């Protein structure tokens, strides 16, 4: 489970932290800490997202075996 995954559910989908915690079987404190970490480290979060997108784009251009 990543910080971005939790952020996407709470702030992207508008779910309550308690709902996300329950669905992911996590303590609410962990969800709150993940959100705090996301907002404390915006540059790191952008770098991670840029890297993930680059990997995804690269995998789309690889030749698939016959």
PDB file of N, CA and C in Angstrom:
ATOM      1  N   UNK A   1       0.848  -1.166   0.000  1.00  0.00           N
ATOM      2  CA  UNK A   1       0.000   0.000   0.000  1.00  0.00           C
ATOM      3  C   UNK A   1       0.895   1.230   0.000  1.00  0.00           C
ATOM      4  N   UNK A   2       0.632   2.127  -0.922  1.00  0.00           N
ATOM      5  CA  UNK A   2       1.465   3.327  -1.014  1.00  0.00           C
ATOM      6  C   UNK A   2       0.727   4.565  -0.498  1.00  0.00           C
ATOM      7  N   UNK A   3       1.518   5.563  -0.193  1.00  0.00           N
ATOM      8  CA  UNK A   3       0.967   6.849   0.232  1.00  0.00           C
ATOM      9  C   UNK A   3       0.076   7.409  -0.873  1.00  0.00           C
ATOM     10  N   UNK A   4       0.524   7.265  -2.127  1.00  0.00           N
ATOM     11  CA  UNK A   4      -0.262   7.772  -3.249  1.00  0.00           C
ATOM     12  C   UNK A   4      -1.594   7.047  -3.365  1.00  0.00           C
ATOM     13  N   UNK A   5      -1.596   5.758  -3.099  1.00  0.00           N
ATOM     14  CA  UNK A   5      -2.827   4.955  -3.155  1.00  0.00           C
ATOM     15  C   UNK A   5      -3.843   5.486  -2.130  1.00  0.00           C
ATOM     16  N   UNK A   6      -3.373   5.722  -0.940  1.00  0.00           N
ATOM     17  CA  UNK A   6      -4.250   6.240   0.113  1.00  0.00           C
ATOM     18  C   UNK A   6      -4.722   7.648  -0.232  1.00  0.00           C
ATOM     19  N   UNK A   7      -3.806   8.484  -0.682  1.00  0.00           N
ATOM     20  CA  UNK A   7      -4.166   9.852  -1.065  1.00  0.00           C
ATOM     21  C   UNK A   7      -5.230   9.850  -2.163  1.00  0.00           C
ATOM     22  N   UNK A   8      -5.062   8.987  -3.158  1.00  0.00           N
ATOM     23  CA  UNK A   8      -6.020   8.927  -4.265  1.00  0.00           C
ATOM     24  C   UNK A   8      -7.416   8.564  -3.782  1.00  0.00           C
ATOM     25  N   UNK A   9      -7.514   7.718  -2.786  1.00  0.00           N
ATOM     26  CA  UNK A   9      -8.825   7.314  -2.300  1.00  0.00           C
ATOM     27  C   UNK A   9      -9.476   8.383  -1.419  1.00  0.00           C
ATOM     28  N   UNK A  10      -8.671   8.997  -0.573  1.00  0.00           N
ATOM     29  CA  UNK A  10      -9.239   9.998   0.335  1.00  0.00           C
ATOM     30  C   UNK A  10      -9.495  11.313  -0.395  1.00  0.00           C
ATOM     31  N   UNK A  11      -8.465  11.850  -1.029  1.00  0.00           N
ATOM     32  CA  UNK A  11      -8.605  13.169  -1.639  1.00  0.00           C
ATOM     33  C   UNK A  11      -9.046  13.099  -3.096  1.00  0.00           C
ATOM     34  N   UNK A  12      -8.717  12.020  -3.774  1.00  0.00           N
ATOM     35  CA  UNK A  12      -9.118  11.878  -5.169  1.00  0.00           C
ATOM     36  C   UNK A  12     -10.558  11.430  -5.329  1.00  0.00           C
ATOM     37  N   UNK A  13     -10.958  10.452  -4.525  1.00  0.00           N
ATOM     38  CA  UNK A  13     -12.323   9.918  -4.613  1.00  0.00           C
ATOM     39  C   UNK A  13     -13.269  10.514  -3.585  1.00  0.00           C
ATOM     40  N   UNK A  14     -12.707  11.240  -2.626  1.00  0.00           N
ATOM     41  CA  UNK A  14     -13.546  11.876  -1.615  1.00  0.00           C
ATOM     42  C   UNK A  14     -14.029  10.946  -0.516  1.00  0.00           C
ATOM     43  N   UNK A  15     -13.320   9.820  -0.333  1.00  0.00           N
ATOM     44  CA  UNK A  15     -13.707   8.909   0.747  1.00  0.00           C
ATOM     45  C   UNK A  15     -13.184   9.432   2.078  1.00  0.00           C
ATOM     46  N   UNK A  16     -13.885   9.109   3.131  1.00  0.00           N
ATOM     47  CA  UNK A  16     -13.440   9.494   4.470  1.00  0.00           C
ATOM     48  C   UNK A  16     -12.246   8.628   4.865  1.00  0.00           C
ATOM     49  N   UNK A  17     -11.285   9.171   5.605  1.00  0.00           N
ATOM     50  CA  UNK A  17     -10.142   8.368   6.055  1.00  0.00           C
ATOM     51  C   UNK A  17     -10.577   7.096   6.797  1.00  0.00           C
ATOM     52  N   UNK A  18     -11.650   7.196   7.561  1.00  0.00           N
ATOM     53  CA  UNK A  18     -12.140   6.019   8.297  1.00  0.00           C
ATOM     54  C   UNK A  18     -12.608   4.923   7.331  1.00  0.00           C
ATOM     55  N   UNK A  19     -13.228   5.336   6.239  1.00  0.00           N
ATOM     56  CA  UNK A  19     -13.695   4.377   5.237  1.00  0.00           C
ATOM     57  C   UNK A  19     -12.515   3.687   4.570  1.00  0.00           C
ATOM     58  N   UNK A  20     -11.513   4.472   4.195  1.00  0.00           N
ATOM     59  CA  UNK A  20     -10.328   3.913   3.555  1.00  0.00           C
ATOM     60  C   UNK A  20      -9.622   2.958   4.515  1.00  0.00           C
ATOM     61  N   UNK A  21      -9.486   3.371   5.761  1.00  0.00           N
ATOM     62  CA  UNK A  21      -8.840   2.511   6.759  1.00  0.00           C
ATOM     63  C   UNK A  21      -9.580   1.190   6.897  1.00  0.00           C
ATOM     64  N   UNK A  22     -10.883   1.246   6.972  1.00  0.00           N
ATOM     65  CA  UNK A  22     -11.680   0.032   7.119  1.00  0.00           C
ATOM     66  C   UNK A  22     -11.522  -0.877   5.899  1.00  0.00           C
ATOM     67  N   UNK A  23     -11.608  -0.298   4.704  1.00  0.00           N
ATOM     68  CA  UNK A  23     -11.507  -1.096   3.477  1.00  0.00           C
ATOM     69  C   UNK A  23     -10.130  -1.726   3.299  1.00  0.00           C
ATOM     70  N   UNK A  24      -9.104  -1.040   3.781  1.00  0.00           N
ATOM     71  CA  UNK A  24      -7.745  -1.542   3.619  1.00  0.00           C
ATOM     72  C   UNK A  24      -7.237  -2.271   4.859  1.00  0.00           C
ATOM     73  N   UNK A  25      -8.111  -2.393   5.848  1.00  0.00           N
ATOM     74  CA  UNK A  25      -7.747  -3.065   7.099  1.00  0.00           C
ATOM     75  C   UNK A  25      -6.516  -2.415   7.744  1.00  0.00           C
ATOM     76  N   UNK A  26      -6.574  -1.092   7.856  1.00  0.00           N
ATOM     77  CA  UNK A  26      -5.505  -0.304   8.454  1.00  0.00           C
ATOM     78  C   UNK A  26      -6.052   0.522   9.603  1.00  0.00           C
ATOM     79  N   UNK A  27      -5.208   0.844  10.563  1.00  0.00           N
ATOM     80  CA  UNK A  27      -5.639   1.801  11.589  1.00  0.00           C
ATOM     81  C   UNK A  27      -5.849   3.178  10.947  1.00  0.00           C
ATOM     82  N   UNK A  28      -6.817   3.919  11.424  1.00  0.00           N
ATOM     83  CA  UNK A  28      -7.075   5.266  10.905  1.00  0.00           C
ATOM     84  C   UNK A  28      -5.833   6.138  11.069  1.00  0.00           C
ATOM     85  N   UNK A  29      -5.078   5.929  12.134  1.00  0.00           N
ATOM     86  CA  UNK A  29      -3.854   6.708  12.349  1.00  0.00           C
ATOM     87  C   UNK A  29      -2.865   6.509  11.205  1.00  0.00           C
ATOM     88  N   UNK A  30      -2.795   5.301  10.641  1.00  0.00           N
ATOM     89  CA  UNK A  30      -1.895   5.044   9.516  1.00  0.00           C
ATOM     90  C   UNK A  30      -2.350   5.796   8.271  1.00  0.00           C
ATOM     91  N   UNK A  31      -3.637   5.851   8.046  1.00  0.00           N
ATOM     92  CA  UNK A  31      -4.170   6.597   6.906  1.00  0.00           C
ATOM     93  C   UNK A  31      -3.860   8.086   7.091  1.00  0.00           C
ATOM     94  N   UNK A  32      -4.063   8.595   8.283  1.00  0.00           N
ATOM     95  CA  UNK A  32      -3.770  10.006   8.560  1.00  0.00           C
ATOM     96  C   UNK A  32      -2.291  10.308   8.384  1.00  0.00           C
ATOM     97  N   UNK A  33      -1.443   9.413   8.829  1.00  0.00           N
ATOM     98  CA  UNK A  33       0.006   9.602   8.682  1.00  0.00           C
ATOM     99  C   UNK A  33       0.411   9.563   7.212  1.00  0.00           C
ATOM    100  N   UNK A  34      -0.192   8.678   6.439  1.00  0.00           N
ATOM    101  CA  UNK A  34       0.106   8.617   5.005  1.00  0.00           C
ATOM    102  C   UNK A  34      -0.265   9.933   4.325  1.00  0.00           C
ATOM    103  N   UNK A  35      -1.425  10.468   4.669  1.00  0.00           N
ATOM    104  CA  UNK A  35      -1.847  11.748   4.085  1.00  0.00           C
ATOM    105  C   UNK A  35      -0.918  12.881   4.501  1.00  0.00           C
ATOM    106  N   UNK A  36      -0.513  12.882   5.760  1.00  0.00           N
ATOM    107  CA  UNK A  36       0.415  13.910   6.233  1.00  0.00           C
ATOM    108  C   UNK A  36       1.747  13.796   5.495  1.00  0.00           C
ATOM    109  N   UNK A  37       2.222  12.578   5.312  1.00  0.00           N
ATOM    110  CA  UNK A  37       3.476  12.352   4.597  1.00  0.00           C
ATOM    111  C   UNK A  37       3.365  12.846   3.154  1.00  0.00           C
ATOM    112  N   UNK A  38       2.243  12.572   2.523  1.00  0.00           N
ATOM    113  CA  UNK A  38       2.009  13.030   1.153  1.00  0.00           C
ATOM    114  C   UNK A  38       2.148  14.551   1.070  1.00  0.00           C
ATOM    115  N   UNK A  39       1.535  15.260   1.988  1.00  0.00           N
ATOM    116  CA  UNK A  39       1.536  16.721   1.953  1.00  0.00           C
ATOM    117  C   UNK A  39       2.835  17.339   2.456  1.00  0.00           C
ATOM    118  N   UNK A  40       3.576  16.624   3.292  1.00  0.00           N
ATOM    119  CA  UNK A  40       4.864  17.124   3.776  1.00  0.00           C
ATOM    120  C   UNK A  40       5.955  17.010   2.714  1.00  0.00           C
ATOM    121  N   UNK A  41       5.750  16.132   1.735  1.00  0.00           N
ATOM    122  CA  UNK A  41       6.797  15.821   0.762  1.00  0.00           C
ATOM    123  C   UNK A  41       6.295  15.945  -0.684  1.00  0.00           C
ATOM    124  N   UNK A  42       5.831  17.109  -1.076  1.00  0.00           N
ATOM    125  CA  UNK A  42       5.255  17.229  -2.416  1.00  0.00           C
ATOM    126  C   UNK A  42       6.252  16.949  -3.541  1.00  0.00           C
ATOM    127  N   UNK A  43       7.493  17.374  -3.375  1.00  0.00           N
ATOM    128  CA  UNK A  43       8.498  17.140  -4.420  1.00  0.00           C
ATOM    129  C   UNK A  43       8.755  15.641  -4.583  1.00  0.00           C
ATOM    130  N   UNK A  44       8.891  14.940  -3.489  1.00  0.00           N
ATOM    131  CA  UNK A  44       9.103  13.489  -3.540  1.00  0.00           C
ATOM    132  C   UNK A  44       7.908  12.791  -4.196  1.00  0.00           C
ATOM    133  N   UNK A  45       6.704  13.229  -3.878  1.00  0.00           N
ATOM    134  CA  UNK A  45       5.509  12.615  -4.461  1.00  0.00           C
ATOM    135  C   UNK A  45       5.468  12.848  -5.970  1.00  0.00           C
ATOM    136  N   UNK A  46       5.867  14.049  -6.423  1.00  0.00           N
ATOM    137  CA  UNK A  46       5.921  14.332  -7.859  1.00  0.00           C
ATOM    138  C   UNK A  46       6.971  13.456  -8.549  1.00  0.00           C
ATOM    139  N   UNK A  47       8.124  13.297  -7.900  1.00  0.00           N
ATOM    140  CA  UNK A  47       9.183  12.459  -8.470  1.00  0.00           C
ATOM    141  C   UNK A  47       8.723  11.006  -8.607  1.00  0.00           C
ATOM    142  N   UNK A  48       8.062  10.503  -7.599  1.00  0.00           N
ATOM    143  CA  UNK A  48       7.566   9.123  -7.640  1.00  0.00           C
ATOM    144  C   UNK A  48       6.558   8.969  -8.770  1.00  0.00           C
ATOM    145  N   UNK A  49       5.644   9.903  -8.894  1.00  0.00           N
ATOM    146  CA  UNK A  49       4.632   9.820  -9.952  1.00  0.00           C
ATOM    147  C   UNK A  49       5.265   9.924 -11.339  1.00  0.00           C
ATOM    148  N   UNK A  50       6.246  10.797 -11.492  1.00  0.00           N
ATOM    149  CA  UNK A  50       6.951  10.925 -12.764  1.00  0.00           C
ATOM    150  C   UNK A  50       7.658   9.627 -13.121  1.00  0.00           C
ATOM    151  N   UNK A  51       8.303   9.022 -12.135  1.00  0.00           N
ATOM    152  CA  UNK A  51       8.998   7.743 -12.361  1.00  0.00           C
ATOM    153  C   UNK A  51       8.009   6.645 -12.743  1.00  0.00           C
ATOM    154  N   UNK A  52       6.908   6.552 -12.040  1.00  0.00           N
ATOM    155  CA  UNK A  52       5.898   5.527 -12.353  1.00  0.00           C
ATOM    156  C   UNK A  52       5.348   5.703 -13.763  1.00  0.00           C
ATOM    157  N   UNK A  53       5.099   6.951 -14.151  1.00  0.00           N
ATOM    158  CA  UNK A  53       4.585   7.202 -15.493  1.00  0.00           C
ATOM    159  C   UNK A  53       5.617   6.812 -16.539  1.00  0.00           C
ATOM    160  N   UNK A  54       6.886   7.127 -16.296  1.00  0.00           N
ATOM    161  CA  UNK A  54       7.947   6.777 -17.247  1.00  0.00           C
ATOM    162  C   UNK A  54       8.047   5.262 -17.403  1.00  0.00           C
ATOM    163  N   UNK A  55       7.964   4.529 -16.301  1.00  0.00           N
ATOM    164  CA  UNK A  55       8.024   3.068 -16.360  1.00  0.00           C
ATOM    165  C   UNK A  55       6.822   2.521 -17.128  1.00  0.00           C
ATOM    166  N   UNK A  56       5.650   3.056 -16.867  1.00  0.00           N
ATOM    167  CA  UNK A  56       4.438   2.603 -17.565  1.00  0.00           C
ATOM    168  C   UNK A  56       4.532   2.897 -19.059  1.00  0.00           C
ATOM    169  N   UNK A  57       5.011   4.092 -19.402  1.00  0.00           N
ATOM    170  CA  UNK A  57       5.162   4.455 -20.811  1.00  0.00           C
ATOM    171  C   UNK A  57       6.169   3.547 -21.501  1.00  0.00           C
ATOM    172  N   UNK A  58       7.260   3.255 -20.806  1.00  0.00           N
ATOM    173  CA  UNK A  58       8.287   2.389 -21.372  1.00  0.00           C
ATOM    174  C   UNK A  58       7.760   0.975 -21.592  1.00  0.00           C
ATOM    175  N   UNK A  59       6.994   0.485 -20.663  1.00  0.00           N
ATOM    176  CA  UNK A  59       6.475  -0.876 -20.801  1.00  0.00           C
ATOM    177  C   UNK A  59       5.503  -0.987 -21.976  1.00  0.00           C
ATOM    178  N   UNK A  60       4.841   0.093 -22.318  1.00  0.00           N
ATOM    179  CA  UNK A  60       3.928   0.091 -23.465  1.00  0.00           C
ATOM    180  C   UNK A  60       4.678   0.046 -24.789  1.00  0.00           C
ATOM    181  N   UNK A  61       5.931   0.504 -24.798  1.00  0.00           N
ATOM    182  CA  UNK A  61       6.678   0.535 -26.041  1.00  0.00           C
ATOM    183  C   UNK A  61       7.519  -0.720 -26.254  1.00  0.00           C
ATOM    184  N   UNK A  62       7.621  -1.567 -25.261  1.00  0.00           N
ATOM    185  CA  UNK A  62       8.389  -2.800 -25.412  1.00  0.00           C
ATOM    186  C   UNK A  62       7.669  -3.750 -26.355  1.00  0.00           C
ATOM    187  N   UNK A  63       8.463  -4.482 -27.127  1.00  0.00           N
ATOM    188  CA  UNK A  63       7.868  -5.470 -28.020  1.00  0.00           C
ATOM    189  C   UNK A  63       7.356  -6.647 -27.218  1.00  0.00           C
ATOM    190  N   UNK A  64       6.209  -7.109 -27.583  1.00  0.00           N
ATOM    191  CA  UNK A  64       5.623  -8.251 -26.915  1.00  0.00           C
ATOM    192  C   UNK A  64       6.030  -9.518 -27.675  1.00  0.00           C
ATOM    193  N   UNK A  65       6.327 -10.601 -26.950  1.00  0.00           N
ATOM    194  CA  UNK A  65       6.702 -11.837 -27.632  1.00  0.00           C
ATOM    195  C   UNK A  65       5.534 -12.394 -28.430  1.00  0.00           C
ATOM    196  N   UNK A  66       5.848 -13.076 -29.530  1.00  0.00           N
ATOM    197  CA  UNK A  66       4.809 -13.679 -30.371  1.00  0.00           C
ATOM    198  C   UNK A  66       4.219 -14.914 -29.739  1.00  0.00           C
TER     199      UNK A  66
END
